[in-house]
Amino acid sequence: MLSRKLRLALPVAAAAVLAAVVPTGSAHAISGVPCGPSDYLQVWDHHIDPILHAPVVGQWCFANKGRADFGSGIWVDKISTGNNAVRYYDVNGTVVSYPKNFIITFPNNPPHVGAIEIL
């Protein structure tokens, strides 16, 4: 039978071994940033303001790996991937990927995008 001190020490020792063996990855989350450097993901859009119910033209800029959801979606006029591989999710279920340093415009038939992801 194990002594009381030994029974209490075993879980602590096991946790210490796991902490030493299992590497911790750095957490990444996409974040909106002020538009500026061309290495950011930049998205130009138009959408309907949910409060004013009026059309709005906007520009979104993002850094860091992760996904940004746009709720009911935005109509994307232009994407500049900057130094990021990017994937967008159309509200109809289409998924489109673009490589780093890629610029595309949609002058006549903009996609209705529900989310965009930096890979």
PDB file of N, CA and C in Angstrom:
ATOM      1  N   MET A   1       0.847  -1.174   0.000  1.00  0.00           N
ATOM      2  CA  MET A   1       0.000   0.000   0.000  1.00  0.00           C
ATOM      3  C   MET A   1       0.897   1.243   0.000  1.00  0.00           C
ATOM      4  N   LEU A   2       0.549   2.240  -0.830  1.00  0.00           N
ATOM      5  CA  LEU A   2       1.337   3.459  -0.943  1.00  0.00           C
ATOM      6  C   LEU A   2       1.043   4.399   0.210  1.00  0.00           C
ATOM      7  N   SER A   3       2.050   5.085   0.638  1.00  0.00           N
ATOM      8  CA  SER A   3       1.844   6.057   1.706  1.00  0.00           C
ATOM      9  C   SER A   3       1.031   7.240   1.182  1.00  0.00           C
ATOM     10  N   ARG A   4       0.467   7.978   2.093  1.00  0.00           N
ATOM     11  CA  ARG A   4      -0.373   9.122   1.727  1.00  0.00           C
ATOM     12  C   ARG A   4       0.423  10.170   0.937  1.00  0.00           C
ATOM     13  N   LYS A   5       1.653  10.453   1.357  1.00  0.00           N
ATOM     14  CA  LYS A   5       2.483  11.436   0.663  1.00  0.00           C
ATOM     15  C   LYS A   5       2.787  10.982  -0.758  1.00  0.00           C
ATOM     16  N   LEU A   6       3.054   9.702  -0.943  1.00  0.00           N
ATOM     17  CA  LEU A   6       3.371   9.180  -2.264  1.00  0.00           C
ATOM     18  C   LEU A   6       2.144   9.241  -3.177  1.00  0.00           C
ATOM     19  N   ARG A   7       0.961   8.925  -2.627  1.00  0.00           N
ATOM     20  CA  ARG A   7      -0.271   8.995  -3.425  1.00  0.00           C
ATOM     21  C   ARG A   7      -0.560  10.425  -3.879  1.00  0.00           C
ATOM     22  N   LEU A   8      -0.235  11.403  -3.068  1.00  0.00           N
ATOM     23  CA  LEU A   8      -0.443  12.800  -3.437  1.00  0.00           C
ATOM     24  C   LEU A   8       0.622  13.294  -4.414  1.00  0.00           C
ATOM     25  N   ALA A   9       1.817  12.747  -4.324  1.00  0.00           N
ATOM     26  CA  ALA A   9       2.922  13.190  -5.179  1.00  0.00           C
ATOM     27  C   ALA A   9       2.846  12.619  -6.588  1.00  0.00           C
ATOM     28  N   LEU A  10       2.246  11.454  -6.778  1.00  0.00           N
ATOM     29  CA  LEU A  10       2.195  10.818  -8.101  1.00  0.00           C
ATOM     30  C   LEU A  10       1.479  11.678  -9.152  1.00  0.00           C
ATOM     31  N   PRO A  11       0.283  12.226  -8.877  1.00  0.00           N
ATOM     32  CA  PRO A  11      -0.358  13.065  -9.905  1.00  0.00           C
ATOM     33  C   PRO A  11       0.455  14.321 -10.247  1.00  0.00           C
ATOM     34  N   VAL A  12       1.115  14.889  -9.248  1.00  0.00           N
ATOM     35  CA  VAL A  12       1.935  16.073  -9.488  1.00  0.00           C
ATOM     36  C   VAL A  12       3.114  15.714 -10.380  1.00  0.00           C
ATOM     37  N   ALA A  13       3.739  14.596 -10.126  1.00  0.00           N
ATOM     38  CA  ALA A  13       4.875  14.147 -10.933  1.00  0.00           C
ATOM     39  C   ALA A  13       4.425  13.825 -12.358  1.00  0.00           C
ATOM     40  N   ALA A  14       3.278  13.190 -12.506  1.00  0.00           N
ATOM     41  CA  ALA A  14       2.768  12.868 -13.842  1.00  0.00           C
ATOM     42  C   ALA A  14       2.488  14.147 -14.633  1.00  0.00           C
ATOM     43  N   ALA A  15       1.912  15.144 -13.990  1.00  0.00           N
ATOM     44  CA  ALA A  15       1.639  16.417 -14.663  1.00  0.00           C
ATOM     45  C   ALA A  15       2.935  17.093 -15.086  1.00  0.00           C
ATOM     46  N   ALA A  16       3.957  17.019 -14.253  1.00  0.00           N
ATOM     47  CA  ALA A  16       5.242  17.631 -14.590  1.00  0.00           C
ATOM     48  C   ALA A  16       5.876  16.945 -15.799  1.00  0.00           C
ATOM     49  N   VAL A  17       5.774  15.615 -15.853  1.00  0.00           N
ATOM     50  CA  VAL A  17       6.320  14.878 -17.000  1.00  0.00           C
ATOM     51  C   VAL A  17       5.574  15.256 -18.273  1.00  0.00           C
ATOM     52  N   LEU A  18       4.244  15.326 -18.219  1.00  0.00           N
ATOM     53  CA  LEU A  18       3.468  15.702 -19.404  1.00  0.00           C
ATOM     54  C   LEU A  18       3.802  17.121 -19.851  1.00  0.00           C
ATOM     55  N   ALA A  19       3.962  18.021 -18.921  1.00  0.00           N
ATOM     56  CA  ALA A  19       4.290  19.401 -19.275  1.00  0.00           C
ATOM     57  C   ALA A  19       5.645  19.485 -19.948  1.00  0.00           C
ATOM     58  N   ALA A  20       6.568  18.647 -19.560  1.00  0.00           N
ATOM     59  CA  ALA A  20       7.904  18.666 -20.147  1.00  0.00           C
ATOM     60  C   ALA A  20       7.935  17.994 -21.508  1.00  0.00           C
ATOM     61  N   VAL A  21       7.070  16.998 -21.726  1.00  0.00           N
ATOM     62  CA  VAL A  21       7.106  16.208 -22.959  1.00  0.00           C
ATOM     63  C   VAL A  21       6.215  16.780 -24.044  1.00  0.00           C
ATOM     64  N   VAL A  22       5.019  17.268 -23.696  1.00  0.00           N
ATOM     65  CA  VAL A  22       4.059  17.762 -24.681  1.00  0.00           C
ATOM     66  C   VAL A  22       4.388  19.210 -25.011  1.00  0.00           C
ATOM     67  N   PRO A  23       4.752  19.497 -26.280  1.00  0.00           N
ATOM     68  CA  PRO A  23       5.076  20.874 -26.623  1.00  0.00           C
ATOM     69  C   PRO A  23       3.817  21.732 -26.685  1.00  0.00           C
ATOM     70  N   THR A  24       3.965  22.970 -26.340  1.00  0.00           N
ATOM     71  CA  THR A  24       2.842  23.895 -26.443  1.00  0.00           C
ATOM     72  C   THR A  24       3.004  24.703 -27.718  1.00  0.00           C
ATOM     73  N   GLY A  25       1.979  24.735 -28.521  1.00  0.00           N
ATOM     74  CA  GLY A  25       2.010  25.524 -29.744  1.00  0.00           C
ATOM     75  C   GLY A  25       1.621  26.946 -29.445  1.00  0.00           C
ATOM     76  N   SER A  26       2.031  27.846 -30.310  1.00  0.00           N
ATOM     77  CA  SER A  26       1.627  29.232 -30.117  1.00  0.00           C
ATOM     78  C   SER A  26       0.228  29.415 -30.681  1.00  0.00           C
ATOM     79  N   ALA A  27      -0.608  30.108 -29.968  1.00  0.00           N
ATOM     80  CA  ALA A  27      -1.979  30.339 -30.397  1.00  0.00           C
ATOM     81  C   ALA A  27      -2.011  31.443 -31.442  1.00  0.00           C
ATOM     82  N   HIS A  28      -2.802  31.221 -32.480  1.00  0.00           N
ATOM     83  CA  HIS A  28      -2.946  32.213 -33.532  1.00  0.00           C
ATOM     84  C   HIS A  28      -4.423  32.547 -33.690  1.00  0.00           C
ATOM     85  N   ALA A  29      -4.709  33.773 -33.916  1.00  0.00           N
ATOM     86  CA  ALA A  29      -6.072  34.188 -34.191  1.00  0.00           C
ATOM     87  C   ALA A  29      -6.017  35.343 -35.171  1.00  0.00           C
ATOM     88  N   ILE A  30      -6.833  35.257 -36.201  1.00  0.00           N
ATOM     89  CA  ILE A  30      -6.885  36.341 -37.173  1.00  0.00           C
ATOM     90  C   ILE A  30      -7.323  37.601 -36.440  1.00  0.00           C
ATOM     91  N   SER A  31      -6.767  38.708 -36.838  1.00  0.00           N
ATOM     92  CA  SER A  31      -7.148  39.960 -36.193  1.00  0.00           C
ATOM     93  C   SER A  31      -7.239  41.069 -37.227  1.00  0.00           C
ATOM     94  N   GLY A  32      -8.231  41.906 -37.039  1.00  0.00           N
ATOM     95  CA  GLY A  32      -8.361  43.079 -37.880  1.00  0.00           C
ATOM     96  C   GLY A  32      -7.262  44.069 -37.542  1.00  0.00           C
ATOM     97  N   VAL A  33      -6.665  44.650 -38.552  1.00  0.00           N
ATOM     98  CA  VAL A  33      -5.577  45.606 -38.346  1.00  0.00           C
ATOM     99  C   VAL A  33      -5.850  46.835 -39.203  1.00  0.00           C
ATOM    100  N   PRO A  34      -5.248  47.970 -38.852  1.00  0.00           N
ATOM    101  CA  PRO A  34      -5.380  49.147 -39.717  1.00  0.00           C
ATOM    102  C   PRO A  34      -4.757  48.835 -41.081  1.00  0.00           C
ATOM    103  N   CYS A  35      -5.432  49.231 -42.121  1.00  0.00           N
ATOM    104  CA  CYS A  35      -4.914  48.975 -43.464  1.00  0.00           C
ATOM    105  C   CYS A  35      -3.663  49.809 -43.693  1.00  0.00           C
ATOM    106  N   GLY A  36      -2.705  49.231 -44.336  1.00  0.00           N
ATOM    107  CA  GLY A  36      -1.453  49.930 -44.570  1.00  0.00           C
ATOM    108  C   GLY A  36      -0.487  49.055 -45.341  1.00  0.00           C
ATOM    109  N   PRO A  37       0.369  48.307 -44.625  1.00  0.00           N
ATOM    110  CA  PRO A  37       1.372  47.510 -45.331  1.00  0.00           C
ATOM    111  C   PRO A  37       0.728  46.524 -46.310  1.00  0.00           C
ATOM    112  N   SER A  38       1.395  46.341 -47.428  1.00  0.00           N
ATOM    113  CA  SER A  38       0.834  45.477 -48.461  1.00  0.00           C
ATOM    114  C   SER A  38       0.968  43.998 -48.132  1.00  0.00           C
ATOM    115  N   ASP A  39       1.627  43.641 -47.005  1.00  0.00           N
ATOM    116  CA  ASP A  39       1.725  42.234 -46.670  1.00  0.00           C
ATOM    117  C   ASP A  39       0.512  41.736 -45.888  1.00  0.00           C
ATOM    118  N   TYR A  40      -0.434  42.617 -45.541  1.00  0.00           N
ATOM    119  CA  TYR A  40      -1.679  42.210 -44.899  1.00  0.00           C
ATOM    120  C   TYR A  40      -2.664  41.702 -45.941  1.00  0.00           C
ATOM    121  N   LEU A  41      -3.598  40.866 -45.502  1.00  0.00           N
ATOM    122  CA  LEU A  41      -4.739  40.512 -46.330  1.00  0.00           C
ATOM    123  C   LEU A  41      -5.656  41.727 -46.367  1.00  0.00           C
ATOM    124  N   GLN A  42      -6.030  42.166 -47.576  1.00  0.00           N
ATOM    125  CA  GLN A  42      -6.923  43.312 -47.715  1.00  0.00           C
ATOM    126  C   GLN A  42      -8.136  42.899 -48.547  1.00  0.00           C
ATOM    127  N   VAL A  43      -9.308  43.279 -48.064  1.00  0.00           N
ATOM    128  CA  VAL A  43     -10.562  42.931 -48.726  1.00  0.00           C
ATOM    129  C   VAL A  43     -11.376  44.205 -48.890  1.00  0.00           C
ATOM    130  N   TRP A  44     -11.758  44.516 -50.127  1.00  0.00           N
ATOM    131  CA  TRP A  44     -12.644  45.647 -50.411  1.00  0.00           C
ATOM    132  C   TRP A  44     -14.025  45.074 -50.666  1.00  0.00           C
ATOM    133  N   ASP A  45     -15.045  45.692 -50.077  1.00  0.00           N
ATOM    134  CA  ASP A  45     -16.386  45.118 -50.190  1.00  0.00           C
ATOM    135  C   ASP A  45     -17.459  46.191 -50.261  1.00  0.00           C
ATOM    136  N   HIS A  46     -18.653  45.721 -50.525  1.00  0.00           N
ATOM    137  CA  HIS A  46     -19.838  46.537 -50.305  1.00  0.00           C
ATOM    138  C   HIS A  46     -20.880  45.622 -49.646  1.00  0.00           C
ATOM    139  N   HIS A  47     -21.635  46.197 -48.743  1.00  0.00           N
ATOM    140  CA  HIS A  47     -22.634  45.433 -48.010  1.00  0.00           C
ATOM    141  C   HIS A  47     -23.732  46.376 -47.534  1.00  0.00           C
ATOM    142  N   ILE A  48     -24.780  45.809 -46.984  1.00  0.00           N
ATOM    143  CA  ILE A  48     -25.881  46.606 -46.446  1.00  0.00           C
ATOM    144  C   ILE A  48     -25.681  46.735 -44.935  1.00  0.00           C
ATOM    145  N   ASP A  49     -25.630  47.963 -44.441  1.00  0.00           N
ATOM    146  CA  ASP A  49     -25.491  48.203 -43.009  1.00  0.00           C
ATOM    147  C   ASP A  49     -26.734  47.664 -42.307  1.00  0.00           C
ATOM    148  N   PRO A  50     -26.552  46.765 -41.316  1.00  0.00           N
ATOM    149  CA  PRO A  50     -27.710  46.144 -40.675  1.00  0.00           C
ATOM    150  C   PRO A  50     -28.557  47.110 -39.845  1.00  0.00           C
ATOM    151  N   ILE A  51     -27.998  48.217 -39.435  1.00  0.00           N
ATOM    152  CA  ILE A  51     -28.754  49.175 -38.621  1.00  0.00           C
ATOM    153  C   ILE A  51     -29.416  50.224 -39.505  1.00  0.00           C
ATOM    154  N   LEU A  52     -28.628  50.807 -40.407  1.00  0.00           N
ATOM    155  CA  LEU A  52     -29.161  51.873 -41.268  1.00  0.00           C
ATOM    156  C   LEU A  52     -29.871  51.337 -42.511  1.00  0.00           C
ATOM    157  N   HIS A  53     -29.684  50.057 -42.819  1.00  0.00           N
ATOM    158  CA  HIS A  53     -30.252  49.437 -44.021  1.00  0.00           C
ATOM    159  C   HIS A  53     -29.876  50.222 -45.276  1.00  0.00           C
ATOM    160  N   ALA A  54     -28.626  50.661 -45.293  1.00  0.00           N
ATOM    161  CA  ALA A  54     -28.111  51.442 -46.411  1.00  0.00           C
ATOM    162  C   ALA A  54     -26.828  50.787 -46.920  1.00  0.00           C
ATOM    163  N   PRO A  55     -26.528  50.956 -48.211  1.00  0.00           N
ATOM    164  CA  PRO A  55     -25.292  50.371 -48.746  1.00  0.00           C
ATOM    165  C   PRO A  55     -24.054  51.054 -48.168  1.00  0.00           C
ATOM    166  N   VAL A  56     -23.034  50.255 -47.902  1.00  0.00           N
ATOM    167  CA  VAL A  56     -21.771  50.729 -47.347  1.00  0.00           C
ATOM    168  C   VAL A  56     -20.632  50.116 -48.151  1.00  0.00           C
ATOM    169  N   VAL A  57     -19.641  50.936 -48.470  1.00  0.00           N
ATOM    170  CA  VAL A  57     -18.426  50.449 -49.120  1.00  0.00           C
ATOM    171  C   VAL A  57     -17.346  50.431 -48.057  1.00  0.00           C
ATOM    172  N   GLY A  58     -16.613  49.329 -47.976  1.00  0.00           N
ATOM    173  CA  GLY A  58     -15.616  49.226 -46.919  1.00  0.00           C
ATOM    174  C   GLY A  58     -14.344  48.549 -47.361  1.00  0.00           C
ATOM    175  N   GLN A  59     -13.373  48.595 -46.487  1.00  0.00           N
ATOM    176  CA  GLN A  59     -12.109  47.901 -46.684  1.00  0.00           C
ATOM    177  C   GLN A  59     -11.744  47.249 -45.361  1.00  0.00           C
ATOM    178  N   TRP A  60     -11.410  45.980 -45.410  1.00  0.00           N
ATOM    179  CA  TRP A  60     -11.028  45.208 -44.235  1.00  0.00           C
ATOM    180  C   TRP A  60      -9.584  44.775 -44.410  1.00  0.00           C
ATOM    181  N   CYS A  61      -8.805  44.802 -43.335  1.00  0.00           N
ATOM    182  CA  CYS A  61      -7.430  44.316 -43.374  1.00  0.00           C
ATOM    183  C   CYS A  61      -7.212  43.367 -42.206  1.00  0.00           C
ATOM    184  N   PHE A  62      -6.490  42.284 -42.482  1.00  0.00           N
ATOM    185  CA  PHE A  62      -6.299  41.243 -41.485  1.00  0.00           C
ATOM    186  C   PHE A  62      -4.846  40.791 -41.442  1.00  0.00           C
ATOM    187  N   ALA A  63      -4.439  40.344 -40.259  1.00  0.00           N
ATOM    188  CA  ALA A  63      -3.125  39.746 -40.053  1.00  0.00           C
ATOM    189  C   ALA A  63      -3.316  38.501 -39.192  1.00  0.00           C
ATOM    190  N   ASN A  64      -2.370  37.609 -39.234  1.00  0.00           N
ATOM    191  CA  ASN A  64      -2.323  36.384 -38.436  1.00  0.00           C
ATOM    192  C   ASN A  64      -3.228  35.288 -38.998  1.00  0.00           C
ATOM    193  N   LYS A  65      -2.816  34.083 -38.766  1.00  0.00           N
ATOM    194  CA  LYS A  65      -3.545  32.912 -39.224  1.00  0.00           C
ATOM    195  C   LYS A  65      -4.876  32.812 -38.489  1.00  0.00           C
ATOM    196  N   GLY A  66      -5.921  32.448 -39.218  1.00  0.00           N
ATOM    197  CA  GLY A  66      -7.227  32.265 -38.602  1.00  0.00           C
ATOM    198  C   GLY A  66      -8.338  32.604 -39.571  1.00  0.00           C
ATOM    199  N   ARG A  67      -9.556  32.655 -39.055  1.00  0.00           N
ATOM    200  CA  ARG A  67     -10.742  32.851 -39.890  1.00  0.00           C
ATOM    201  C   ARG A  67     -11.586  33.992 -39.344  1.00  0.00           C
ATOM    202  N   ALA A  68     -12.073  34.827 -40.255  1.00  0.00           N
ATOM    203  CA  ALA A  68     -12.992  35.918 -39.907  1.00  0.00           C
ATOM    204  C   ALA A  68     -14.335  35.632 -40.560  1.00  0.00           C
ATOM    205  N   ASP A  69     -15.386  35.633 -39.780  1.00  0.00           N
ATOM    206  CA  ASP A  69     -16.730  35.410 -40.296  1.00  0.00           C
ATOM    207  C   ASP A  69     -17.437  36.748 -40.479  1.00  0.00           C
ATOM    208  N   PHE A  70     -18.187  36.866 -41.571  1.00  0.00           N
ATOM    209  CA  PHE A  70     -18.880  38.112 -41.891  1.00  0.00           C
ATOM    210  C   PHE A  70     -20.380  38.015 -41.690  1.00  0.00           C
ATOM    211  N   GLY A  71     -20.833  37.129 -40.850  1.00  0.00           N
ATOM    212  CA  GLY A  71     -22.258  37.016 -40.575  1.00  0.00           C
ATOM    213  C   GLY A  71     -23.031  36.613 -41.821  1.00  0.00           C
ATOM    214  N   SER A  72     -23.964  37.453 -42.239  1.00  0.00           N
ATOM    215  CA  SER A  72     -24.778  37.127 -43.415  1.00  0.00           C
ATOM    216  C   SER A  72     -24.027  37.345 -44.723  1.00  0.00           C
ATOM    217  N   GLY A  73     -22.806  37.830 -44.646  1.00  0.00           N
ATOM    218  CA  GLY A  73     -21.971  37.938 -45.840  1.00  0.00           C
ATOM    219  C   GLY A  73     -21.765  39.353 -46.326  1.00  0.00           C
ATOM    220  N   ILE A  74     -20.693  39.499 -47.104  1.00  0.00           N
ATOM    221  CA  ILE A  74     -20.368  40.760 -47.754  1.00  0.00           C
ATOM    222  C   ILE A  74     -20.121  40.477 -49.232  1.00  0.00           C
ATOM    223  N   TRP A  75     -20.341  41.459 -50.067  1.00  0.00           N
ATOM    224  CA  TRP A  75     -20.058  41.328 -51.492  1.00  0.00           C
ATOM    225  C   TRP A  75     -18.637  41.836 -51.720  1.00  0.00           C
ATOM    226  N   VAL A  76     -17.737  40.951 -52.114  1.00  0.00           N
ATOM    227  CA  VAL A  76     -16.320  41.282 -52.232  1.00  0.00           C
ATOM    228  C   VAL A  76     -16.027  41.836 -53.621  1.00  0.00           C
ATOM    229  N   ASP A  77     -15.422  43.028 -53.647  1.00  0.00           N
ATOM    230  CA  ASP A  77     -15.055  43.674 -54.905  1.00  0.00           C
ATOM    231  C   ASP A  77     -13.601  43.402 -55.295  1.00  0.00           C
ATOM    232  N   LYS A  78     -12.727  43.216 -54.280  1.00  0.00           N
ATOM    233  CA  LYS A  78     -11.305  43.012 -54.549  1.00  0.00           C
ATOM    234  C   LYS A  78     -10.662  42.322 -53.352  1.00  0.00           C
ATOM    235  N   ILE A  79      -9.692  41.452 -53.629  1.00  0.00           N
ATOM    236  CA  ILE A  79      -8.898  40.805 -52.585  1.00  0.00           C
ATOM    237  C   ILE A  79      -7.431  40.954 -52.948  1.00  0.00           C
ATOM    238  N   SER A  80      -6.626  41.376 -51.989  1.00  0.00           N
ATOM    239  CA  SER A  80      -5.172  41.373 -52.100  1.00  0.00           C
ATOM    240  C   SER A  80      -4.657  40.501 -50.964  1.00  0.00           C
ATOM    241  N   THR A  81      -4.065  39.349 -51.287  1.00  0.00           N
ATOM    242  CA  THR A  81      -3.680  38.394 -50.254  1.00  0.00           C
ATOM    243  C   THR A  81      -2.443  38.822 -49.474  1.00  0.00           C
ATOM    244  N   GLY A  82      -1.642  39.730 -50.025  1.00  0.00           N
ATOM    245  CA  GLY A  82      -0.414  40.132 -49.337  1.00  0.00           C
ATOM    246  C   GLY A  82       0.501  38.945 -49.155  1.00  0.00           C
ATOM    247  N   ASN A  83       1.088  38.816 -48.010  1.00  0.00           N
ATOM    248  CA  ASN A  83       2.023  37.732 -47.726  1.00  0.00           C
ATOM    249  C   ASN A  83       1.299  36.549 -47.078  1.00  0.00           C
ATOM    250  N   ASN A  84       0.089  36.237 -47.553  1.00  0.00           N
ATOM    251  CA  ASN A  84      -0.744  35.204 -46.938  1.00  0.00           C
ATOM    252  C   ASN A  84      -1.400  34.333 -47.997  1.00  0.00           C
ATOM    253  N   ALA A  85      -1.418  33.037 -47.761  1.00  0.00           N
ATOM    254  CA  ALA A  85      -2.287  32.160 -48.547  1.00  0.00           C
ATOM    255  C   ALA A  85      -3.673  32.319 -47.931  1.00  0.00           C
ATOM    256  N   VAL A  86      -4.704  32.448 -48.774  1.00  0.00           N
ATOM    257  CA  VAL A  86      -6.036  32.815 -48.298  1.00  0.00           C
ATOM    258  C   VAL A  86      -7.079  31.884 -48.888  1.00  0.00           C
ATOM    259  N   ARG A  87      -8.121  31.664 -48.113  1.00  0.00           N
ATOM    260  CA  ARG A  87      -9.272  30.887 -48.580  1.00  0.00           C
ATOM    261  C   ARG A  87     -10.519  31.676 -48.213  1.00  0.00           C
ATOM    262  N   TYR A  88     -11.468  31.803 -49.169  1.00  0.00           N
ATOM    263  CA  TYR A  88     -12.738  32.428 -48.794  1.00  0.00           C
ATOM    264  C   TYR A  88     -13.870  31.437 -48.972  1.00  0.00           C
ATOM    265  N   TYR A  89     -14.898  31.638 -48.152  1.00  0.00           N
ATOM    266  CA  TYR A  89     -16.057  30.756 -48.129  1.00  0.00           C
ATOM    267  C   TYR A  89     -17.271  31.551 -48.598  1.00  0.00           C
ATOM    268  N   ASP A  90     -17.742  31.228 -49.790  1.00  0.00           N
ATOM    269  CA  ASP A  90     -18.919  31.885 -50.345  1.00  0.00           C
ATOM    270  C   ASP A  90     -20.143  31.400 -49.571  1.00  0.00           C
ATOM    271  N   VAL A  91     -21.174  32.237 -49.463  1.00  0.00           N
ATOM    272  CA  VAL A  91     -22.367  31.840 -48.720  1.00  0.00           C
ATOM    273  C   VAL A  91     -23.102  30.682 -49.395  1.00  0.00           C
ATOM    274  N   ASN A  92     -22.835  30.431 -50.675  1.00  0.00           N
ATOM    275  CA  ASN A  92     -23.480  29.303 -51.355  1.00  0.00           C
ATOM    276  C   ASN A  92     -22.715  27.995 -51.162  1.00  0.00           C
ATOM    277  N   GLY A  93     -21.607  28.025 -50.392  1.00  0.00           N
ATOM    278  CA  GLY A  93     -20.849  26.810 -50.109  1.00  0.00           C
ATOM    279  C   GLY A  93     -19.564  26.648 -50.898  1.00  0.00           C
ATOM    280  N   THR A  94     -19.330  27.508 -51.870  1.00  0.00           N
ATOM    281  CA  THR A  94     -18.099  27.440 -52.652  1.00  0.00           C
ATOM    282  C   THR A  94     -16.920  27.884 -51.803  1.00  0.00           C
ATOM    283  N   VAL A  95     -15.810  27.153 -51.907  1.00  0.00           N
ATOM    284  CA  VAL A  95     -14.582  27.517 -51.202  1.00  0.00           C
ATOM    285  C   VAL A  95     -13.515  27.786 -52.259  1.00  0.00           C
ATOM    286  N   VAL A  96     -12.882  28.965 -52.185  1.00  0.00           N
ATOM    287  CA  VAL A  96     -11.883  29.361 -53.178  1.00  0.00           C
ATOM    288  C   VAL A  96     -10.592  29.726 -52.454  1.00  0.00           C
ATOM    289  N   SER A  97      -9.467  29.211 -52.956  1.00  0.00           N
ATOM    290  CA  SER A  97      -8.156  29.500 -52.368  1.00  0.00           C
ATOM    291  C   SER A  97      -7.326  30.363 -53.299  1.00  0.00           C
ATOM    292  N   TYR A  98      -6.527  31.243 -52.699  1.00  0.00           N
ATOM    293  CA  TYR A  98      -5.606  32.090 -53.456  1.00  0.00           C
ATOM    294  C   TYR A  98      -4.220  32.013 -52.813  1.00  0.00           C
ATOM    295  N   PRO A  99      -3.171  32.083 -53.629  1.00  0.00           N
ATOM    296  CA  PRO A  99      -1.806  32.022 -53.093  1.00  0.00           C
ATOM    297  C   PRO A  99      -1.363  33.378 -52.542  1.00  0.00           C
ATOM    298  N   LYS A 100      -0.174  33.387 -51.962  1.00  0.00           N
ATOM    299  CA  LYS A 100       0.427  34.629 -51.471  1.00  0.00           C
ATOM    300  C   LYS A 100       0.642  35.600 -52.624  1.00  0.00           C
ATOM    301  N   ASN A 101       0.645  36.888 -52.305  1.00  0.00           N
ATOM    302  CA  ASN A 101       0.940  37.961 -53.263  1.00  0.00           C
ATOM    303  C   ASN A 101       0.064  37.895 -54.511  1.00  0.00           C
ATOM    304  N   PHE A 102      -1.230  37.740 -54.297  1.00  0.00           N
ATOM    305  CA  PHE A 102      -2.188  37.605 -55.389  1.00  0.00           C
ATOM    306  C   PHE A 102      -3.252  38.682 -55.228  1.00  0.00           C
ATOM    307  N   ILE A 103      -3.616  39.326 -56.316  1.00  0.00           N
ATOM    308  CA  ILE A 103      -4.664  40.353 -56.305  1.00  0.00           C
ATOM    309  C   ILE A 103      -5.708  39.971 -57.336  1.00  0.00           C
ATOM    310  N   ILE A 104      -6.969  40.005 -56.932  1.00  0.00           N
ATOM    311  CA  ILE A 104      -8.063  39.714 -57.861  1.00  0.00           C
ATOM    312  C   ILE A 104      -9.185  40.716 -57.622  1.00  0.00           C
ATOM    313  N   THR A 105      -9.810  41.153 -58.714  1.00  0.00           N
ATOM    314  CA  THR A 105     -10.959  42.054 -58.619  1.00  0.00           C
ATOM    315  C   THR A 105     -12.171  41.379 -59.237  1.00  0.00           C
ATOM    316  N   PHE A 106     -13.331  41.757 -58.767  1.00  0.00           N
ATOM    317  CA  PHE A 106     -14.594  41.216 -59.251  1.00  0.00           C
ATOM    318  C   PHE A 106     -15.481  42.385 -59.675  1.00  0.00           C
ATOM    319  N   PRO A 107     -15.225  42.989 -60.860  1.00  0.00           N
ATOM    320  CA  PRO A 107     -15.953  44.200 -61.235  1.00  0.00           C
ATOM    321  C   PRO A 107     -17.418  43.969 -61.591  1.00  0.00           C
ATOM    322  N   ASN A 108     -17.762  42.796 -62.113  1.00  0.00           N
ATOM    323  CA  ASN A 108     -19.123  42.595 -62.609  1.00  0.00           C
ATOM    324  C   ASN A 108     -19.951  41.597 -61.809  1.00  0.00           C
ATOM    325  N   ASN A 109     -19.302  40.640 -61.187  1.00  0.00           N
ATOM    326  CA  ASN A 109     -20.035  39.599 -60.476  1.00  0.00           C
ATOM    327  C   ASN A 109     -19.336  39.264 -59.156  1.00  0.00           C
ATOM    328  N   PRO A 110     -19.427  40.154 -58.161  1.00  0.00           N
ATOM    329  CA  PRO A 110     -18.697  39.928 -56.912  1.00  0.00           C
ATOM    330  C   PRO A 110     -19.263  38.745 -56.129  1.00  0.00           C
ATOM    331  N   PRO A 111     -18.384  37.950 -55.518  1.00  0.00           N
ATOM    332  CA  PRO A 111     -18.869  36.835 -54.701  1.00  0.00           C
ATOM    333  C   PRO A 111     -19.468  37.332 -53.385  1.00  0.00           C
ATOM    334  N   HIS A 112     -20.433  36.607 -52.898  1.00  0.00           N
ATOM    335  CA  HIS A 112     -21.066  36.903 -51.608  1.00  0.00           C
ATOM    336  C   HIS A 112     -20.363  36.038 -50.571  1.00  0.00           C
ATOM    337  N   VAL A 113     -19.429  36.632 -49.840  1.00  0.00           N
ATOM    338  CA  VAL A 113     -18.526  35.891 -48.963  1.00  0.00           C
ATOM    339  C   VAL A 113     -19.015  35.906 -47.519  1.00  0.00           C
ATOM    340  N   GLY A 114     -19.068  34.706 -46.920  1.00  0.00           N
ATOM    341  CA  GLY A 114     -19.480  34.581 -45.525  1.00  0.00           C
ATOM    342  C   GLY A 114     -18.308  34.567 -44.562  1.00  0.00           C
ATOM    343  N   ALA A 115     -17.121  34.148 -45.048  1.00  0.00           N
ATOM    344  CA  ALA A 115     -15.940  34.093 -44.174  1.00  0.00           C
ATOM    345  C   ALA A 115     -14.691  34.096 -45.039  1.00  0.00           C
ATOM    346  N   ILE A 116     -13.596  34.521 -44.435  1.00  0.00           N
ATOM    347  CA  ILE A 116     -12.305  34.506 -45.116  1.00  0.00           C
ATOM    348  C   ILE A 116     -11.270  33.991 -44.106  1.00  0.00           C
ATOM    349  N   GLU A 117     -10.299  33.231 -44.615  1.00  0.00           N
ATOM    350  CA  GLU A 117      -9.342  32.567 -43.735  1.00  0.00           C
ATOM    351  C   GLU A 117      -7.914  32.784 -44.237  1.00  0.00           C
ATOM    352  N   ILE A 118      -7.025  33.118 -43.321  1.00  0.00           N
ATOM    353  CA  ILE A 118      -5.592  33.159 -43.620  1.00  0.00           C
ATOM    354  C   ILE A 118      -5.042  31.800 -43.210  1.00  0.00           C
ATOM    355  N   LEU A 119      -4.412  31.117 -44.150  1.00  0.00           N
ATOM    356  CA  LEU A 119      -3.912  29.756 -43.892  1.00  0.00           C
ATOM    357  C   LEU A 119      -2.519  29.769 -43.297  1.00  0.00           C
TER     358      LEU A 119
END
